Amino acid sequence: MLIPVFGMLVHPHSEEARTASSRPSWAPRHQYGAADLMAFLLATARRRFERTRVRQAHTVRDAATLEGGALMESTKSYSVDQFVEDARTIMSSAADDRQAIVEQLIPLVEKVVWNDALMDPARRTESPGDRPRYIHYQDPDGTLQIYVVEFAPGMPTPVHDHVTWGVIGVCGGAQRTTRYRRVDDGSDPEHATLELIDEEVLERGAVYPLLPPDDIHRIETVGPEPSYSLHVLGTDLRRQHRHIFDVETGKVTAVEGRGM
């Protein structure tokens, strides 16, 4: 059975009928003008949109819950050795196109960060004054570098740049990553003005690019346990001229070959 609402015949359980029935009981049932009709239609559209948005959010959440386990298992099957080989292939095919290299590496890093072999004890190295690393590949010519860095709690990096492209993926623990953009003209080598891009706590699976001039950041472990992140870089930072920034004072300190 259909009922009349604003001159339209609608089902009594429809969204239109429910919206119409929500008017105050004291409102006259027959005095509705064009403005009333427009308000009615807008209210109905808003309710439909909200119901659709909620359904979509639930669908995404449920899909992630149901498929997350299977997805994680499939990414774990992507070996570190295969990733290194793929990264080398990308390097040789993309030449000096930093943007293309980073874009091709990101989906591969998103897969390999779930592989626990990244933290293989056999690949762990420790040097005085530097953070522990798990080295997986170092190109002899000083270009492609692939390694995992261990960040101990209470030992954040300074704000620093890289002066090279890179892709970083969190593969263990949680890291507060703060990223900046330099907004001055760079004419003063000892002073810089930095603008905050974002600050968020990243956990395993999070991946982000480094592309100069947007390659300035700070990393800090969150929680009582160390955190780990995979670093895929376009140069050996032990040979690189870089900078440390004091965000408050603007002071810039030039460094060479220093770990962060």
Protein backbone atom coordinates (compact mmCIF):
# COMPACT_ATOMS: atom_id res chain seq x y z
CA MET A 1 0.00 0.00 0.00
CA LEU A 2 1.29 3.47 -0.89
CA ILE A 3 0.62 6.65 1.08
CA PRO A 4 0.64 10.28 -0.13
CA VAL A 5 3.58 12.47 0.95
CA PHE A 6 3.87 15.98 -0.58
CA GLY A 7 1.80 14.86 -3.50
CA MET A 8 3.89 11.73 -4.08
CA LEU A 9 2.87 8.12 -3.46
CA VAL A 10 5.51 6.39 -1.36
CA HIS A 11 5.78 3.15 0.59
CA PRO A 12 4.86 3.63 4.27
CA HIS A 13 8.24 2.25 5.37
CA SER A 14 10.32 4.30 2.92
CA GLU A 15 12.85 6.98 3.87
CA GLU A 16 10.44 9.66 2.59
CA ALA A 17 7.63 8.47 4.82
CA ARG A 18 9.87 8.32 7.89
CA THR A 19 11.18 11.83 7.21
CA ALA A 20 7.68 13.22 6.78
CA SER A 21 6.44 11.54 9.96
CA SER A 22 9.19 13.22 11.97
CA ARG A 23 7.53 16.68 11.77
CA PRO A 24 6.03 18.06 14.98
CA SER A 25 2.59 16.72 15.87
CA TRP A 26 1.24 20.26 16.08
CA ALA A 27 2.18 21.10 12.49
CA PRO A 28 -0.82 21.42 10.12
CA ARG A 29 -1.09 18.46 7.80
CA HIS A 30 -2.15 20.40 4.75
CA GLN A 31 -0.18 23.69 4.65
CA TYR A 32 3.07 22.82 2.86
CA GLY A 33 4.73 25.09 0.33
CA ALA A 34 7.74 24.88 -1.99
CA ALA A 35 10.15 25.61 0.87
CA ASP A 36 8.71 22.73 2.88
CA LEU A 37 9.08 20.39 -0.07
CA MET A 38 12.71 21.43 -0.61
CA ALA A 39 13.52 20.95 3.10
CA PHE A 40 11.88 17.55 2.99
CA LEU A 41 13.88 16.45 -0.05
CA LEU A 42 17.17 17.73 1.42
CA ALA A 43 16.55 15.95 4.71
CA THR A 44 15.82 12.72 2.86
CA ALA A 45 18.96 13.06 0.75
CA ARG A 46 21.09 13.73 3.82
CA ARG A 47 19.75 10.66 5.61
CA ARG A 48 20.31 8.47 2.55
CA PHE A 49 23.87 9.78 2.16
CA GLU A 50 24.67 9.12 5.82
CA ARG A 51 23.26 5.59 5.68
CA THR A 52 25.29 4.88 2.53
CA ARG A 53 28.47 6.30 4.09
CA VAL A 54 28.07 4.14 7.18
CA ARG A 55 27.42 1.03 5.09
CA GLN A 56 30.54 1.73 3.01
CA ALA A 57 32.66 2.22 6.13
CA HIS A 58 31.43 -1.05 7.57
CA THR A 59 32.12 -2.81 4.27
CA VAL A 60 35.73 -1.57 4.20
CA ARG A 61 36.25 -2.47 7.86
CA ASP A 62 34.75 -5.93 7.46
CA ALA A 63 36.78 -6.59 4.30
CA ALA A 64 39.97 -5.60 6.09
CA THR A 65 39.09 -7.88 9.00
CA LEU A 66 38.25 -10.84 6.80
CA GLU A 67 41.05 -10.43 4.29
CA GLY A 68 43.79 -8.90 6.45
CA GLY A 69 45.13 -12.26 7.57
CA ALA A 70 45.27 -13.65 4.05
CA LEU A 71 46.87 -10.46 2.76
CA MET A 72 49.55 -10.55 5.43
CA GLU A 73 50.35 -14.16 4.61
CA SER A 74 50.68 -13.37 0.91
CA THR A 75 53.05 -10.47 1.57
CA LYS A 76 55.21 -12.58 3.85
CA SER A 77 55.84 -14.91 0.91
CA TYR A 78 57.60 -12.02 -0.86
CA SER A 79 61.22 -12.71 0.08
CA VAL A 80 63.85 -10.15 0.96
CA ASP A 81 66.12 -11.56 -1.73
CA GLN A 82 63.38 -11.07 -4.33
CA PHE A 83 62.86 -7.51 -3.14
CA VAL A 84 66.57 -6.75 -3.48
CA GLU A 85 66.57 -8.18 -7.01
CA ASP A 86 63.47 -6.17 -7.94
CA ALA A 87 64.97 -2.99 -6.50
CA ARG A 88 68.15 -3.48 -8.51
CA THR A 89 66.10 -4.00 -11.67
CA ILE A 90 64.17 -0.79 -11.03
CA MET A 91 67.41 1.10 -10.47
CA SER A 92 68.87 -0.09 -13.75
CA SER A 93 65.73 0.55 -15.78
CA ALA A 94 64.70 3.94 -14.37
CA ALA A 95 68.19 5.46 -14.64
CA ASP A 96 68.20 8.86 -12.90
CA ASP A 97 64.43 9.34 -12.73
CA ARG A 98 64.08 9.60 -8.95
CA GLN A 99 60.31 10.01 -9.06
CA ALA A 100 59.86 6.86 -11.15
CA ILE A 101 62.19 4.86 -8.90
CA VAL A 102 60.30 5.83 -5.75
CA GLU A 103 56.89 5.20 -7.29
CA GLN A 104 57.90 1.71 -8.38
CA LEU A 105 59.56 0.86 -5.07
CA ILE A 106 56.70 1.88 -2.76
CA PRO A 107 54.35 -1.08 -3.49
CA LEU A 108 57.28 -3.49 -3.15
CA VAL A 109 58.32 -2.01 0.20
CA GLU A 110 54.69 -2.29 1.34
CA LYS A 111 54.94 -6.03 0.73
CA VAL A 112 58.41 -6.81 2.06
CA VAL A 113 58.03 -4.99 5.40
CA TRP A 114 55.90 -7.93 6.61
CA ASN A 115 58.76 -10.37 6.14
CA ASP A 116 60.48 -11.09 9.46
CA ALA A 117 63.66 -12.04 7.59
CA LEU A 118 64.38 -8.32 7.40
CA MET A 119 65.56 -8.65 11.02
CA ASP A 120 67.74 -11.70 10.40
CA PRO A 121 70.35 -11.74 13.21
CA ALA A 122 72.98 -12.90 10.71
CA ARG A 123 72.69 -9.52 8.96
CA ARG A 124 72.89 -7.40 12.09
CA THR A 125 75.84 -5.01 12.37
CA GLU A 126 76.79 -2.55 15.09
CA SER A 127 79.28 0.27 14.74
CA PRO A 128 80.47 2.63 17.50
CA GLY A 129 78.34 5.76 17.60
CA ASP A 130 75.77 4.39 15.15
CA ARG A 131 72.49 2.54 15.41
CA PRO A 132 72.31 -1.22 14.85
CA ARG A 133 71.50 -2.15 11.27
CA TYR A 134 70.47 -5.22 9.31
CA ILE A 135 72.23 -4.81 5.98
CA HIS A 136 70.66 -6.50 2.96
CA TYR A 137 72.31 -4.77 0.04
CA GLN A 138 74.92 -2.09 -0.58
CA ASP A 139 75.80 -1.30 -4.16
CA PRO A 140 79.58 -1.08 -4.62
CA ASP A 141 79.19 2.18 -6.52
CA GLY A 142 77.55 3.79 -3.48
CA THR A 143 74.06 4.11 -4.95
CA LEU A 144 71.36 1.63 -3.95
CA GLN A 145 71.35 0.89 -0.21
CA ILE A 146 68.89 -1.48 1.50
CA TYR A 147 69.00 -1.98 5.26
CA VAL A 148 66.87 -2.00 8.40
CA VAL A 149 67.66 0.44 11.22
CA GLU A 150 66.91 -0.31 14.87
CA PHE A 151 65.75 2.69 16.89
CA ALA A 152 66.04 2.32 20.65
CA PRO A 153 63.47 4.01 22.92
CA GLY A 154 64.52 7.43 24.16
CA MET A 155 67.01 7.97 21.32
CA PRO A 156 65.26 9.99 18.61
CA THR A 157 67.05 11.27 15.55
CA PRO A 158 67.63 14.97 15.10
CA VAL A 159 65.67 16.69 12.37
CA HIS A 160 67.72 15.94 9.28
CA ASP A 161 67.67 15.65 5.52
CA HIS A 162 69.07 13.02 3.14
CA VAL A 163 69.83 14.89 -0.10
CA THR A 164 68.82 11.74 -1.98
CA TRP A 165 65.65 9.86 -2.82
CA GLY A 166 64.45 7.14 -0.51
CA VAL A 167 61.57 4.95 0.65
CA ILE A 168 61.09 4.11 4.33
CA GLY A 169 58.83 1.35 5.61
CA VAL A 170 58.15 0.52 9.25
CA CYS A 171 58.72 -3.19 9.83
CA GLY A 172 58.52 -3.44 13.63
CA GLY A 173 57.31 -1.48 16.63
CA ALA A 174 55.94 2.04 16.40
CA GLN A 175 57.68 5.22 15.26
CA ARG A 176 56.64 8.82 15.64
CA THR A 177 57.60 10.34 12.32
CA THR A 178 57.68 14.10 11.97
CA ARG A 179 58.16 15.47 8.47
CA TYR A 180 59.09 18.98 7.44
CA ARG A 181 59.39 21.11 4.32
CA ARG A 182 61.98 23.84 3.91
CA VAL A 183 60.24 27.07 2.92
CA ASP A 184 63.10 29.59 2.75
CA ASP A 185 65.12 30.13 -0.40
CA GLY A 186 68.21 28.30 0.92
CA SER A 187 70.49 31.25 0.34
CA ASP A 188 71.84 31.16 3.90
CA PRO A 189 73.72 27.85 4.41
CA GLU A 190 73.53 28.25 8.19
CA HIS A 191 69.85 29.08 8.58
CA ALA A 192 66.59 27.51 7.41
CA THR A 193 62.87 27.96 7.98
CA LEU A 194 61.00 24.68 8.21
CA GLU A 195 57.28 24.06 7.88
CA LEU A 196 55.66 21.05 9.54
CA ILE A 197 54.09 18.71 6.99
CA ASP A 198 52.76 16.06 9.35
CA GLU A 199 53.45 14.15 12.53
CA GLU A 200 52.02 10.70 13.17
CA VAL A 201 52.79 7.42 14.88
CA LEU A 202 53.47 4.79 12.24
CA GLU A 203 53.31 1.06 12.81
CA ARG A 204 54.32 -1.95 10.75
CA GLY A 205 53.18 -1.64 7.16
CA ALA A 206 53.40 2.16 6.96
CA VAL A 207 55.52 3.38 4.04
CA TYR A 208 56.47 6.89 2.93
CA PRO A 209 58.79 8.42 0.30
CA LEU A 210 61.72 10.80 0.57
CA LEU A 211 62.20 13.07 -2.41
CA PRO A 212 64.29 16.23 -2.06
CA PRO A 213 63.42 18.88 -1.09
CA ASP A 214 60.73 16.94 0.85
CA ASP A 215 63.25 14.66 2.56
CA ILE A 216 63.47 16.28 5.99
CA HIS A 217 62.20 14.29 8.96
CA ARG A 218 62.70 13.06 12.51
CA ILE A 219 62.12 9.53 13.85
CA GLU A 220 61.39 8.58 17.45
CA THR A 221 60.43 5.19 18.86
CA VAL A 222 57.11 5.09 20.71
CA GLY A 223 56.85 2.57 23.55
CA PRO A 224 59.30 0.57 25.66
CA GLU A 225 60.58 -1.68 22.85
CA PRO A 226 62.83 -0.81 19.89
CA SER A 227 61.26 0.00 16.54
CA TYR A 228 62.54 -0.99 13.12
CA SER A 229 62.27 0.56 9.69
CA LEU A 230 63.48 -0.51 6.28
CA HIS A 231 65.48 2.18 4.48
CA VAL A 232 65.87 1.99 0.71
CA LEU A 233 68.08 4.89 -0.39
CA GLY A 234 69.74 6.16 -3.52
CA THR A 235 73.15 6.75 -1.98
CA ASP A 236 75.44 5.61 0.82
CA LEU A 237 74.78 8.11 3.61
CA ARG A 238 78.25 7.42 5.02
CA ARG A 239 79.59 9.36 2.04
CA GLN A 240 76.84 11.95 1.90
CA HIS A 241 76.83 15.67 2.76
CA ARG A 242 73.68 16.32 4.76
CA HIS A 243 72.18 18.76 7.24
CA ILE A 244 70.80 18.78 10.78
CA PHE A 245 68.14 21.38 11.55
CA ASP A 246 67.16 23.12 14.76
CA VAL A 247 63.49 23.84 14.11
CA GLU A 248 63.21 26.41 16.91
CA THR A 249 66.26 28.55 16.12
CA GLY A 250 66.55 27.80 12.41
CA LYS A 251 70.21 26.82 12.75
CA VAL A 252 71.56 24.47 10.08
CA THR A 253 74.55 22.24 10.77
CA ALA A 254 76.28 20.65 7.78
CA VAL A 255 77.51 17.08 8.37
CA GLU A 256 79.24 14.46 6.27
CA GLY A 257 78.90 10.71 6.65
CA ARG A 258 77.19 10.96 10.02
CA GLY A 259 74.57 8.49 11.14
CA MET A 260 71.36 9.83 12.60
